[in-house]
Amino acid sequence: MKYLVDVVTLEFFQEKCTGCGRCIEVCPHGVFLLRDKKAFVADRDRCMECGACANNCEFGAIKVNSGVGCAAAIINGMITGGPPSCDCGEQSGSDCCG
């Protein structure tokens, strides 16, 4: 699922990345991949700004204004009459929206 193009607040500082892979493990939308023992942003527009990556990066390689994407998903669900469409929570094994 993609959100709005080129609006995400996600910043990745590859020089700080140690290649631990934690961002890949916790990201519910597969924003990050590993190449040559370093993480990289594979698809920035898939980021829903949940903050799981930044909260779990011990090396300060990721910065994101968390909460924006989940809030938008909740509002979208209210408008459409359906559930939040952020794809996180119990079903995905990630509780990034709290």
N, C-alpha and C. Protein backbone atom coordinates (compact mmCIF):
# COMPACT_ATOMS: atom_id res chain seq x y z
N MET A 1 0.84 -1.18 0.00
CA MET A 1 0.00 0.00 0.00
C MET A 1 0.89 1.24 0.00
N LYS A 2 0.60 2.14 -0.90
CA LYS A 2 1.33 3.41 -0.92
C LYS A 2 0.42 4.50 -0.38
N TYR A 3 1.04 5.45 0.24
CA TYR A 3 0.30 6.60 0.75
C TYR A 3 0.52 7.74 -0.24
N LEU A 4 0.57 8.95 0.18
CA LEU A 4 0.81 10.07 -0.73
C LEU A 4 2.26 10.07 -1.18
N VAL A 5 2.50 10.40 -2.43
CA VAL A 5 3.84 10.39 -3.00
C VAL A 5 4.65 11.60 -2.51
N ASP A 6 5.88 11.35 -2.10
CA ASP A 6 6.84 12.38 -1.70
C ASP A 6 6.38 13.31 -0.57
N VAL A 7 5.66 12.76 0.40
CA VAL A 7 5.27 13.60 1.54
C VAL A 7 5.74 13.06 2.88
N VAL A 8 6.25 11.85 2.91
CA VAL A 8 6.64 11.21 4.16
C VAL A 8 7.82 11.95 4.81
N THR A 9 7.83 11.96 6.14
CA THR A 9 8.88 12.66 6.87
C THR A 9 10.09 11.77 7.15
N LEU A 10 10.09 10.55 6.63
CA LEU A 10 11.16 9.58 6.87
C LEU A 10 12.51 10.10 6.37
N GLU A 11 13.50 10.05 7.26
CA GLU A 11 14.88 10.38 6.89
C GLU A 11 15.75 9.20 7.30
N PHE A 12 16.65 8.77 6.41
CA PHE A 12 17.54 7.65 6.68
C PHE A 12 18.98 8.11 6.49
N PHE A 13 19.81 7.88 7.50
CA PHE A 13 21.20 8.29 7.49
C PHE A 13 22.07 7.04 7.37
N GLN A 14 22.37 6.65 6.14
CA GLN A 14 23.05 5.40 5.88
C GLN A 14 24.42 5.31 6.55
N GLU A 15 25.09 6.43 6.73
CA GLU A 15 26.41 6.41 7.37
C GLU A 15 26.33 5.95 8.83
N LYS A 16 25.16 6.05 9.46
CA LYS A 16 24.98 5.60 10.84
C LYS A 16 24.50 4.14 10.91
N CYS A 17 24.09 3.58 9.79
CA CYS A 17 23.54 2.23 9.76
C CYS A 17 24.65 1.20 9.97
N THR A 18 24.38 0.23 10.85
CA THR A 18 25.33 -0.86 11.10
C THR A 18 24.91 -2.16 10.42
N GLY A 19 23.75 -2.15 9.79
CA GLY A 19 23.26 -3.35 9.11
C GLY A 19 22.64 -4.37 10.03
N CYS A 20 22.18 -3.97 11.19
CA CYS A 20 21.59 -4.91 12.15
C CYS A 20 20.28 -5.51 11.65
N GLY A 21 19.57 -4.79 10.79
CA GLY A 21 18.33 -5.30 10.20
C GLY A 21 17.08 -5.09 11.03
N ARG A 22 17.21 -4.40 12.15
CA ARG A 22 16.05 -4.19 13.01
C ARG A 22 14.94 -3.42 12.30
N CYS A 23 15.29 -2.43 11.49
CA CYS A 23 14.27 -1.66 10.76
C CYS A 23 13.48 -2.55 9.82
N ILE A 24 14.14 -3.52 9.22
CA ILE A 24 13.48 -4.45 8.31
C ILE A 24 12.51 -5.34 9.09
N GLU A 25 12.92 -5.77 10.28
CA GLU A 25 12.08 -6.63 11.12
C GLU A 25 10.81 -5.93 11.58
N VAL A 26 10.90 -4.66 11.94
CA VAL A 26 9.76 -3.98 12.57
C VAL A 26 8.87 -3.19 11.61
N CYS A 27 9.34 -2.93 10.41
CA CYS A 27 8.54 -2.13 9.47
C CYS A 27 7.39 -2.98 8.91
N PRO A 28 6.14 -2.58 9.15
CA PRO A 28 5.01 -3.37 8.68
C PRO A 28 4.76 -3.27 7.18
N HIS A 29 5.46 -2.36 6.49
CA HIS A 29 5.20 -2.16 5.07
C HIS A 29 6.40 -2.41 4.17
N GLY A 30 7.48 -2.96 4.71
CA GLY A 30 8.62 -3.31 3.88
C GLY A 30 9.32 -2.13 3.23
N VAL A 31 9.45 -1.05 3.96
CA VAL A 31 10.11 0.15 3.43
C VAL A 31 11.61 -0.08 3.26
N PHE A 32 12.20 -0.88 4.15
CA PHE A 32 13.65 -1.09 4.16
C PHE A 32 14.03 -2.46 3.62
N LEU A 33 15.20 -2.52 3.00
CA LEU A 33 15.81 -3.78 2.57
C LEU A 33 17.28 -3.74 2.95
N LEU A 34 17.94 -4.88 2.90
CA LEU A 34 19.36 -4.98 3.23
C LEU A 34 20.15 -5.29 1.96
N ARG A 35 21.23 -4.53 1.75
CA ARG A 35 22.11 -4.75 0.60
C ARG A 35 23.53 -4.41 1.04
N ASP A 36 24.47 -5.30 0.73
CA ASP A 36 25.87 -5.09 1.10
C ASP A 36 26.03 -4.79 2.59
N LYS A 37 25.28 -5.52 3.41
CA LYS A 37 25.36 -5.42 4.87
C LYS A 37 24.95 -4.06 5.42
N LYS A 38 24.12 -3.34 4.67
CA LYS A 38 23.58 -2.06 5.12
C LYS A 38 22.11 -2.00 4.71
N ALA A 39 21.29 -1.40 5.55
CA ALA A 39 19.90 -1.18 5.19
C ALA A 39 19.82 -0.02 4.21
N PHE A 40 18.76 -0.01 3.44
CA PHE A 40 18.48 1.14 2.57
C PHE A 40 16.97 1.26 2.41
N VAL A 41 16.51 2.42 2.04
CA VAL A 41 15.08 2.67 1.83
C VAL A 41 14.72 2.17 0.45
N ALA A 42 13.95 1.10 0.40
CA ALA A 42 13.56 0.49 -0.88
C ALA A 42 12.40 1.25 -1.52
N ASP A 43 11.45 1.70 -0.70
CA ASP A 43 10.30 2.42 -1.24
C ASP A 43 9.78 3.38 -0.18
N ARG A 44 10.26 4.58 -0.21
CA ARG A 44 9.94 5.60 0.78
C ARG A 44 8.45 5.89 0.87
N ASP A 45 7.76 5.81 -0.26
CA ASP A 45 6.33 6.14 -0.29
C ASP A 45 5.44 5.08 0.37
N ARG A 46 6.00 3.94 0.73
CA ARG A 46 5.24 2.92 1.47
C ARG A 46 5.20 3.22 2.97
N CYS A 47 6.02 4.15 3.41
CA CYS A 47 6.11 4.49 4.83
C CYS A 47 4.81 5.15 5.30
N MET A 48 4.26 4.62 6.41
CA MET A 48 3.05 5.19 6.98
C MET A 48 3.36 6.01 8.23
N GLU A 49 4.64 6.22 8.49
CA GLU A 49 5.12 7.05 9.59
C GLU A 49 4.69 6.54 10.96
N CYS A 50 4.70 5.23 11.13
CA CYS A 50 4.33 4.66 12.43
C CYS A 50 5.42 4.88 13.46
N GLY A 51 6.67 5.01 13.03
CA GLY A 51 7.78 5.27 13.93
C GLY A 51 8.47 4.03 14.47
N ALA A 52 8.00 2.84 14.08
CA ALA A 52 8.59 1.61 14.59
C ALA A 52 10.08 1.52 14.25
N CYS A 53 10.46 1.92 13.06
CA CYS A 53 11.87 1.84 12.64
C CYS A 53 12.74 2.77 13.48
N ALA A 54 12.32 4.01 13.62
CA ALA A 54 13.11 4.99 14.37
C ALA A 54 13.19 4.61 15.85
N ASN A 55 12.08 4.12 16.41
CA ASN A 55 12.06 3.73 17.82
C ASN A 55 12.95 2.53 18.10
N ASN A 56 13.21 1.71 17.10
CA ASN A 56 13.99 0.49 17.30
C ASN A 56 15.42 0.59 16.77
N CYS A 57 15.79 1.69 16.15
CA CYS A 57 17.15 1.85 15.65
C CYS A 57 18.03 2.41 16.77
N GLU A 58 18.94 1.57 17.25
CA GLU A 58 19.81 1.96 18.36
C GLU A 58 20.91 2.93 17.93
N PHE A 59 21.07 3.14 16.63
CA PHE A 59 22.20 3.90 16.12
C PHE A 59 21.83 5.27 15.56
N GLY A 60 20.55 5.63 15.67
CA GLY A 60 20.11 6.94 15.21
C GLY A 60 20.15 7.12 13.71
N ALA A 61 20.00 6.03 12.98
CA ALA A 61 20.07 6.10 11.52
C ALA A 61 18.75 6.48 10.88
N ILE A 62 17.68 6.52 11.68
CA ILE A 62 16.35 6.79 11.12
C ILE A 62 15.65 7.86 11.94
N LYS A 63 15.02 8.77 11.23
CA LYS A 63 14.22 9.81 11.86
C LYS A 63 12.90 9.89 11.11
N VAL A 64 11.80 9.97 11.85
CA VAL A 64 10.49 10.08 11.22
C VAL A 64 9.53 10.78 12.18
N ASN A 65 8.65 11.58 11.65
CA ASN A 65 7.63 12.25 12.44
C ASN A 65 6.51 11.24 12.66
N SER A 66 6.66 10.38 13.67
CA SER A 66 5.73 9.27 13.86
C SER A 66 4.35 9.74 14.27
N GLY A 67 3.39 8.92 13.88
CA GLY A 67 2.00 9.20 14.23
C GLY A 67 1.20 9.79 13.10
N VAL A 68 1.84 10.45 12.17
CA VAL A 68 1.13 11.12 11.09
C VAL A 68 0.39 10.11 10.22
N GLY A 69 1.06 9.04 9.82
CA GLY A 69 0.45 8.05 8.94
C GLY A 69 -0.70 7.32 9.60
N CYS A 70 -0.52 6.92 10.87
CA CYS A 70 -1.59 6.22 11.57
C CYS A 70 -2.79 7.13 11.78
N ALA A 71 -2.55 8.38 12.08
CA ALA A 71 -3.66 9.32 12.25
C ALA A 71 -4.44 9.46 10.96
N ALA A 72 -3.73 9.54 9.84
CA ALA A 72 -4.40 9.65 8.55
C ALA A 72 -5.21 8.40 8.27
N ALA A 73 -4.69 7.23 8.62
CA ALA A 73 -5.41 5.98 8.40
C ALA A 73 -6.68 5.92 9.24
N ILE A 74 -6.60 6.37 10.48
CA ILE A 74 -7.77 6.37 11.36
C ILE A 74 -8.84 7.32 10.82
N ILE A 75 -8.42 8.51 10.40
CA ILE A 75 -9.36 9.48 9.83
C ILE A 75 -9.98 8.92 8.55
N ASN A 76 -9.16 8.29 7.71
CA ASN A 76 -9.67 7.70 6.47
C ASN A 76 -10.71 6.63 6.79
N GLY A 77 -10.45 5.82 7.80
CA GLY A 77 -11.42 4.80 8.20
C GLY A 77 -12.72 5.41 8.68
N MET A 78 -12.63 6.53 9.40
CA MET A 78 -13.84 7.21 9.87
C MET A 78 -14.65 7.76 8.70
N ILE A 79 -13.95 8.31 7.72
CA ILE A 79 -14.64 8.88 6.56
C ILE A 79 -15.32 7.80 5.73
N THR A 80 -14.63 6.68 5.53
CA THR A 80 -15.17 5.62 4.69
C THR A 80 -16.08 4.67 5.45
N GLY A 81 -16.10 4.78 6.79
CA GLY A 81 -16.92 3.89 7.59
C GLY A 81 -16.31 2.53 7.82
N GLY A 82 -15.03 2.40 7.47
CA GLY A 82 -14.34 1.12 7.65
C GLY A 82 -13.29 1.21 8.72
N PRO A 83 -12.53 0.14 8.88
CA PRO A 83 -11.45 0.15 9.87
C PRO A 83 -10.27 0.98 9.38
N PRO A 84 -9.38 1.37 10.27
CA PRO A 84 -8.16 2.08 9.85
C PRO A 84 -7.41 1.25 8.82
N SER A 85 -6.88 1.90 7.82
CA SER A 85 -6.24 1.17 6.72
C SER A 85 -4.72 1.26 6.77
N CYS A 86 -4.16 1.29 7.98
CA CYS A 86 -2.70 1.39 8.09
C CYS A 86 -2.02 0.03 8.10
N ASP A 87 -2.78 -1.07 8.11
CA ASP A 87 -2.25 -2.43 8.06
C ASP A 87 -1.33 -2.78 9.22
N CYS A 88 -1.50 -2.15 10.34
CA CYS A 88 -0.71 -2.54 11.50
C CYS A 88 -1.65 -2.92 12.62
N GLY A 89 -1.14 -3.48 13.65
CA GLY A 89 -1.96 -3.92 14.76
C GLY A 89 -1.84 -5.40 14.96
N GLU A 90 -2.83 -5.99 15.55
CA GLU A 90 -2.78 -7.41 15.92
C GLU A 90 -2.61 -8.33 14.72
N GLN A 91 -3.26 -8.03 13.60
CA GLN A 91 -3.20 -8.92 12.46
C GLN A 91 -1.78 -9.02 11.89
N SER A 92 -1.04 -7.96 11.88
CA SER A 92 0.30 -7.97 11.28
C SER A 92 1.39 -8.34 12.27
N GLY A 93 1.04 -8.43 13.54
CA GLY A 93 2.05 -8.75 14.55
C GLY A 93 2.77 -7.51 15.05
N SER A 94 2.37 -6.34 14.57
CA SER A 94 2.99 -5.09 14.98
C SER A 94 1.94 -4.20 15.62
N ASP A 95 2.24 -3.60 16.73
CA ASP A 95 1.29 -2.73 17.39
C ASP A 95 1.78 -1.29 17.31
N CYS A 96 2.10 -0.85 16.10
CA CYS A 96 2.74 0.45 15.92
C CYS A 96 1.77 1.61 16.16
N CYS A 97 0.48 1.40 16.03
CA CYS A 97 -0.46 2.50 16.25
C CYS A 97 -0.88 2.63 17.70
N GLY A 98 -0.36 1.76 18.54
CA GLY A 98 -0.68 1.85 19.96
C GLY A 98 -1.98 1.25 20.24
